[in-house]
Amino acid sequence: MDTIAVLIPCYNESRTIEKVVADWKQALPEAVIYVYDNNSTDSTDELARKAGAVVRYEYQQGKGSVVRRMFREIDARCYIMIDGDDTYPAQAGRAMADLVLSGQADMVVGDRLSSTYFSENKRPFHNFGNTIVRGCINHLFGSDIQDIMTGCRAFSYLFVKTFPVLSRGFEIETEMSIHAVDKNMAIKNVVIEYRDRPEGSTSKLNTFTDGARVLRTILRLYKDYRPMRFFGAAAAVLTLLSAVFFFPVLLEYLETGLVLRFPTLIVCGFCVMAALLSLFAGMILQTLITRNRQDFEYRLIQAQKNLRELLP
């Protein structure tokens, strides 16, 4: 079992991977550096191996697929996950690892947005998107994570072995953040310096396509993790709509004793039925979520036992 495992998912990062591996070996000499190559075509794997990293492969495309394999295969007391594009300084690794190894955190977030991100990043839509995603997550889930989309994070063994990876792409960071908040895991923010990609290195993140996926992921996870609020809000909207359209019909009936707009009345009735169905769906799903959290606590206990067995 490794004390610290540095995990680097890579796809065509030949311009930077040697420097990234060398920097992290220098910053954390006791760490094992793992590079997971995701079908690169530019000799990223050979360069990483030459620099001293342990190179493994994931053939199913997508960062989420790589993270799933990394978390499944590697046992360590502390995991640090970074990108292979040389945008995150290795100097931050020690402080992040110490928070995990001391038991103060299950997930440490490398916060770029509180330092140099907005000045270094040359893609304005990325800046705007990061701000929107951070605001949405913190508002909807009542959290205080300063950088939702950062690729620089540290994790405990308990987090890694109990985190179900569902996403395939770059929305994996959002999924990690929400999982940690929902499962009441200890989260710490560490401000890190951010530098833009060096010339010739291109981002694999598509601003609009991946941005839309992230927003869909937030909505899906809000439905999954907060079903009572989600379906309760839908029930409230449906009830309000039915009341707005029913009120004129009611006034007309009180004045004339007649219901002249039967189609409107029927639609209002269906809206109320839909609202009730939505409300009860939320209540049932919330009960299932509560049971799931109870089961998760048992999984944590089992993961803790496994950790004790792996420790020397």
Foldseek 3Di string as FASTA:
>chain_A
DAAEEEEEEDAAQQVFQLVVLLQLCVQCVSYAYEYEYAPHDPCSQVSNVVSPHHYHYDPPDAPLSVLLVVLVPDDYQKYKFAYRQPFFGSNCVVVQSCCSNVPNFQKEAAAAPVACCVVADPDVLVVVLQVVLQVLCCVLLVDDARTQQHRTMMGGNLLSVLQDRDDGYSLSSNSSVNVCSLLVTRYHYDYTHTHDGPPPDDDPDDSPPVSVVNVVVSVVVSCQRQVQVVLLVLLVVLLVVLCVLVVVQVVVCVVPVDRPCVVSNVSSVVSNVSSVVSNVVSVVSVVVNVVVSVVSVVVSVVSVVVVVVPDD
